[in-house]
N, C-alpha and C. Protein backbone atom coordinates (compact mmCIF):
# COMPACT_ATOMS: atom_id res chain seq x y z
N MET A 1 0.96 -1.37 -0.04
CA MET A 1 -0.08 0.09 0.03
C MET A 1 0.68 1.29 -0.14
N LYS A 2 0.46 2.32 -0.69
CA LYS A 2 0.98 3.48 -0.66
C LYS A 2 0.40 4.49 0.20
N LYS A 3 1.17 5.55 0.63
CA LYS A 3 0.59 6.68 1.56
C LYS A 3 0.29 7.71 0.53
N TYR A 4 -0.87 8.31 0.82
CA TYR A 4 -1.45 9.44 0.24
C TYR A 4 -1.73 10.53 1.22
N ASP A 5 -1.88 11.77 0.73
CA ASP A 5 -2.24 12.95 1.57
C ASP A 5 -3.41 13.42 0.78
N LEU A 6 -4.73 13.39 1.58
CA LEU A 6 -6.00 13.93 0.91
C LEU A 6 -6.35 15.11 1.58
N THR A 7 -6.52 16.18 0.93
CA THR A 7 -7.16 17.44 1.31
C THR A 7 -8.41 17.69 0.61
N VAL A 8 -9.41 18.12 1.35
CA VAL A 8 -10.79 18.10 0.99
C VAL A 8 -11.47 19.23 1.51
N LEU A 9 -12.17 20.08 0.49
CA LEU A 9 -12.69 21.24 0.86
C LEU A 9 -14.28 20.79 1.07
N VAL A 10 -14.79 21.03 2.08
CA VAL A 10 -16.19 20.78 2.33
C VAL A 10 -17.18 22.00 2.55
N LYS A 11 -18.46 21.94 2.04
CA LYS A 11 -19.18 22.98 2.15
C LYS A 11 -19.33 23.51 3.61
N SER A 12 -19.30 24.78 3.65
CA SER A 12 -19.01 25.42 5.13
C SER A 12 -20.38 25.38 5.87
N ASP A 13 -21.50 25.17 5.21
CA ASP A 13 -22.71 25.09 5.92
C ASP A 13 -23.12 23.98 6.81
N LEU A 14 -22.14 22.97 6.65
CA LEU A 14 -22.37 21.70 7.43
C LEU A 14 -22.32 21.90 8.93
N LYS A 15 -23.06 21.40 9.71
CA LYS A 15 -23.02 21.62 11.08
C LYS A 15 -21.97 20.78 11.66
N GLU A 16 -21.70 20.79 13.06
CA GLU A 16 -20.59 19.83 13.61
C GLU A 16 -21.10 18.47 13.62
N LYS A 17 -22.26 17.93 13.63
CA LYS A 17 -22.80 16.67 13.68
C LYS A 17 -22.66 15.97 12.20
N ALA A 18 -22.87 17.00 11.24
CA ALA A 18 -22.82 16.58 9.91
C ALA A 18 -21.46 16.38 9.45
N LEU A 19 -20.55 17.25 10.10
CA LEU A 19 -19.12 17.15 9.53
C LEU A 19 -18.57 15.92 10.25
N ASP A 20 -18.99 15.34 11.34
CA ASP A 20 -18.35 14.28 12.01
C ASP A 20 -18.98 13.10 11.07
N LYS A 21 -20.20 13.16 10.67
CA LYS A 21 -20.74 12.16 9.92
C LYS A 21 -20.04 12.04 8.64
N PHE A 22 -19.68 13.04 8.09
CA PHE A 22 -18.81 13.14 6.83
C PHE A 22 -17.47 12.40 7.01
N VAL A 23 -16.85 12.79 8.14
CA VAL A 23 -15.63 12.22 8.28
C VAL A 23 -15.82 10.72 8.46
N GLY A 24 -16.71 10.34 9.24
CA GLY A 24 -17.07 8.90 9.25
C GLY A 24 -17.28 8.14 8.01
N LYS A 25 -18.03 8.68 7.21
CA LYS A 25 -18.16 8.22 5.80
C LYS A 25 -17.15 8.05 5.08
N MET A 26 -16.11 9.13 5.06
CA MET A 26 -14.89 8.97 4.33
C MET A 26 -14.08 7.87 4.79
N GLU A 27 -13.96 7.64 6.05
CA GLU A 27 -13.37 6.61 6.80
C GLU A 27 -13.73 5.26 6.23
N ASP A 28 -15.22 5.03 6.23
CA ASP A 28 -15.73 3.89 5.67
C ASP A 28 -15.46 3.71 4.29
N LEU A 29 -15.48 4.61 3.55
CA LEU A 29 -15.06 4.61 2.07
C LEU A 29 -13.73 4.12 1.93
N VAL A 30 -12.70 4.58 2.72
CA VAL A 30 -11.19 4.05 2.47
C VAL A 30 -11.21 2.79 3.09
N LYS A 31 -11.86 2.42 4.06
CA LYS A 31 -11.87 0.76 4.56
C LYS A 31 -12.64 -0.01 3.46
N ALA A 32 -13.60 0.45 2.97
CA ALA A 32 -14.23 -0.44 1.98
C ALA A 32 -13.31 -0.64 0.59
N LEU A 33 -12.18 0.40 0.44
CA LEU A 33 -11.31 0.15 -0.54
C LEU A 33 -9.91 -0.60 -0.16
N ASP A 34 -10.07 -1.22 1.05
CA ASP A 34 -9.11 -1.87 1.64
C ASP A 34 -7.84 -1.20 2.04
N GLY A 35 -8.22 0.26 2.41
CA GLY A 35 -7.12 0.92 2.86
C GLY A 35 -7.41 1.45 4.48
N LYS A 36 -6.20 2.17 4.92
CA LYS A 36 -6.45 2.56 6.33
C LYS A 36 -6.32 4.11 6.25
N THR A 37 -7.15 4.80 7.18
CA THR A 37 -7.00 6.03 7.57
C THR A 37 -6.06 6.33 8.61
N GLY A 38 -5.38 7.57 8.47
CA GLY A 38 -4.50 7.95 9.59
C GLY A 38 -5.04 9.24 10.35
N LYS A 39 -3.95 10.10 10.69
CA LYS A 39 -4.34 11.19 11.38
C LYS A 39 -5.25 12.16 10.40
N ILE A 40 -6.30 12.75 11.10
CA ILE A 40 -7.01 13.72 10.52
C ILE A 40 -6.68 15.04 11.01
N THR A 41 -6.62 16.15 10.07
CA THR A 41 -6.42 17.41 10.74
C THR A 41 -7.55 18.48 10.17
N GLU A 42 -8.18 19.11 11.03
CA GLU A 42 -9.17 19.84 10.65
C GLU A 42 -8.72 21.41 10.67
N MET A 43 -8.47 22.06 9.56
CA MET A 43 -7.96 23.23 9.36
C MET A 43 -8.88 24.49 9.64
N GLY A 44 -10.22 24.06 9.74
CA GLY A 44 -11.16 25.01 10.02
C GLY A 44 -12.05 25.76 8.87
N LYS A 45 -12.70 26.64 8.98
CA LYS A 45 -13.23 27.39 8.09
C LYS A 45 -12.59 28.62 7.40
N LYS A 46 -12.29 28.45 6.19
CA LYS A 46 -11.67 29.62 5.64
C LYS A 46 -12.41 30.14 4.24
N GLN A 47 -11.91 31.41 3.94
CA GLN A 47 -12.42 32.23 2.87
C GLN A 47 -11.86 31.63 1.59
N LEU A 48 -12.57 31.53 0.74
CA LEU A 48 -12.08 30.92 -0.74
C LEU A 48 -11.68 32.18 -1.51
N ALA A 49 -10.61 31.96 -2.38
CA ALA A 49 -10.33 32.97 -3.27
C ALA A 49 -11.41 33.41 -4.43
N TYR A 50 -12.00 32.34 -4.69
CA TYR A 50 -13.37 32.65 -5.66
C TYR A 50 -14.28 31.53 -5.39
N THR A 51 -15.51 31.81 -5.73
CA THR A 51 -16.78 31.01 -5.40
C THR A 51 -16.56 29.76 -6.18
N ILE A 52 -16.87 28.61 -5.54
CA ILE A 52 -17.03 27.36 -5.79
C ILE A 52 -18.35 26.79 -5.87
N LYS A 53 -19.02 26.33 -6.61
CA LYS A 53 -20.43 25.88 -6.51
C LYS A 53 -21.30 26.69 -5.57
N LYS A 54 -21.26 28.02 -5.86
CA LYS A 54 -21.86 28.97 -5.11
C LYS A 54 -21.59 29.25 -3.60
N GLN A 55 -20.30 28.59 -3.31
CA GLN A 55 -19.98 28.78 -1.87
C GLN A 55 -18.68 29.79 -1.68
N LYS A 56 -18.61 30.64 -0.84
CA LYS A 56 -17.65 31.56 -0.55
C LYS A 56 -16.71 31.20 0.48
N GLU A 57 -17.04 30.12 1.42
CA GLU A 57 -16.34 29.56 2.39
C GLU A 57 -16.19 28.02 2.37
N ALA A 58 -15.43 27.39 3.01
CA ALA A 58 -15.31 26.14 3.14
C ALA A 58 -14.63 25.68 4.23
N GLN A 59 -14.85 24.31 4.61
CA GLN A 59 -14.12 23.56 5.79
C GLN A 59 -13.01 22.97 5.12
N PHE A 60 -11.80 23.10 5.61
CA PHE A 60 -10.66 22.37 5.05
C PHE A 60 -10.29 21.16 6.02
N LEU A 61 -10.02 19.85 5.34
CA LEU A 61 -9.77 18.88 6.01
C LEU A 61 -8.51 18.11 5.43
N THR A 62 -7.67 17.46 6.05
CA THR A 62 -6.69 16.82 5.71
C THR A 62 -6.57 15.32 6.27
N TRP A 63 -6.12 14.17 5.56
CA TRP A 63 -5.99 12.92 5.95
C TRP A 63 -4.69 12.41 5.55
N VAL A 64 -4.14 11.58 6.15
CA VAL A 64 -2.99 10.71 5.65
C VAL A 64 -3.73 9.37 5.57
N LEU A 65 -3.55 8.77 4.21
CA LEU A 65 -4.33 7.56 4.10
C LEU A 65 -3.40 6.68 3.43
N GLU A 66 -3.59 5.35 3.66
CA GLU A 66 -3.00 4.20 3.09
C GLU A 66 -3.92 3.47 2.13
N VAL A 67 -3.66 3.27 0.78
CA VAL A 67 -4.61 2.67 -0.11
C VAL A 67 -3.85 1.90 -1.00
N PRO A 68 -4.28 0.75 -1.50
CA PRO A 68 -3.63 0.00 -2.58
C PRO A 68 -3.80 0.94 -3.97
N PRO A 69 -2.54 0.96 -4.77
CA PRO A 69 -2.91 1.88 -5.98
C PRO A 69 -3.82 1.48 -6.96
N LYS A 70 -4.20 0.19 -6.75
CA LYS A 70 -5.20 -0.12 -7.82
C LYS A 70 -6.56 0.48 -7.46
N ASN A 71 -6.84 0.86 -6.10
CA ASN A 71 -8.21 1.34 -5.80
C ASN A 71 -8.20 2.80 -5.83
N VAL A 72 -7.07 3.42 -6.12
CA VAL A 72 -7.06 5.02 -6.15
C VAL A 72 -8.15 5.58 -7.19
N VAL A 73 -8.31 5.09 -8.24
CA VAL A 73 -9.02 5.55 -9.32
C VAL A 73 -10.49 5.39 -8.69
N GLN A 74 -10.97 4.34 -7.99
CA GLN A 74 -12.20 4.27 -7.47
C GLN A 74 -12.59 5.36 -6.30
N LEU A 75 -11.48 5.59 -5.65
CA LEU A 75 -11.44 6.63 -4.60
C LEU A 75 -11.74 8.04 -5.13
N GLU A 76 -10.96 8.40 -6.25
CA GLU A 76 -11.20 9.57 -6.99
C GLU A 76 -12.61 9.88 -7.38
N LYS A 77 -13.26 8.79 -8.01
CA LYS A 77 -14.52 8.81 -8.67
C LYS A 77 -15.48 9.19 -7.32
N LYS A 78 -15.35 8.34 -6.27
CA LYS A 78 -16.33 8.70 -5.17
C LYS A 78 -16.13 10.08 -4.64
N LEU A 79 -14.91 10.64 -4.65
CA LEU A 79 -14.55 12.00 -4.06
C LEU A 79 -15.21 13.07 -5.08
N VAL A 80 -15.21 12.78 -6.41
CA VAL A 80 -15.73 13.70 -7.36
C VAL A 80 -17.34 13.68 -7.16
N ASN A 81 -17.86 12.52 -7.07
CA ASN A 81 -19.43 12.42 -7.06
C ASN A 81 -20.20 12.95 -5.66
N ASP A 82 -19.37 13.08 -4.67
CA ASP A 82 -19.79 13.47 -3.32
C ASP A 82 -20.13 14.94 -3.38
N LYS A 83 -21.57 15.21 -3.01
CA LYS A 83 -22.45 16.41 -2.99
C LYS A 83 -21.79 17.31 -2.14
N ASP A 84 -21.10 16.90 -0.98
CA ASP A 84 -20.45 17.81 0.16
C ASP A 84 -19.16 18.37 -0.10
N ILE A 85 -18.40 17.65 -1.00
CA ILE A 85 -17.16 17.95 -1.42
C ILE A 85 -17.09 19.01 -2.63
N LEU A 86 -16.43 20.33 -2.28
CA LEU A 86 -16.40 21.26 -3.14
C LEU A 86 -15.08 20.87 -4.15
N ARG A 87 -13.91 20.68 -3.49
CA ARG A 87 -12.67 20.39 -4.29
C ARG A 87 -11.87 19.34 -3.37
N HIS A 88 -10.91 18.65 -4.18
CA HIS A 88 -10.14 17.68 -3.43
C HIS A 88 -8.85 17.57 -4.02
N LEU A 89 -7.80 17.04 -3.13
CA LEU A 89 -6.31 17.02 -3.85
C LEU A 89 -5.92 15.71 -3.16
N LEU A 90 -5.57 14.78 -3.99
CA LEU A 90 -5.00 13.61 -3.49
C LEU A 90 -3.55 13.53 -4.07
N VAL A 91 -2.58 13.30 -3.22
CA VAL A 91 -1.18 13.48 -3.48
C VAL A 91 -0.53 12.10 -2.83
N CYS A 92 0.27 11.36 -3.74
CA CYS A 92 1.18 10.32 -3.29
C CYS A 92 2.34 10.92 -2.43
N LEU A 93 2.37 10.36 -1.25
CA LEU A 93 3.68 10.65 -0.46
C LEU A 93 4.89 9.84 -0.95
N ARG A 94 5.91 10.48 -1.03
CA ARG A 94 7.21 9.53 -1.38
C ARG A 94 7.75 8.96 -0.03
N ASP A 95 8.07 7.66 -0.20
CA ASP A 95 9.05 7.18 0.69
C ASP A 95 10.45 7.55 0.98
N ARG A 96 10.97 7.96 2.08
CA ARG A 96 12.24 8.31 2.25
C ARG A 96 13.16 7.47 2.84
């Protein structure tokens, strides 16, 4: 399995319980793809440089994930199709 860093911009109008539910949903998704979730970092609500899907603010979340390379395409498809995600960035971390 390779390590990845996932940064997600989530709609800012999600309440605390809905955000926790979203985090749980993401962890279940990674587990369903035979992966592991690591540390999650909530960077809070931030102003966007430009509007995305009629949103001017977003919640920023980052994860360190371990996912088999064959399942990364499926993960990307799920992230694109999620209604709560405005943008995402999935980066492969290099081994040192």
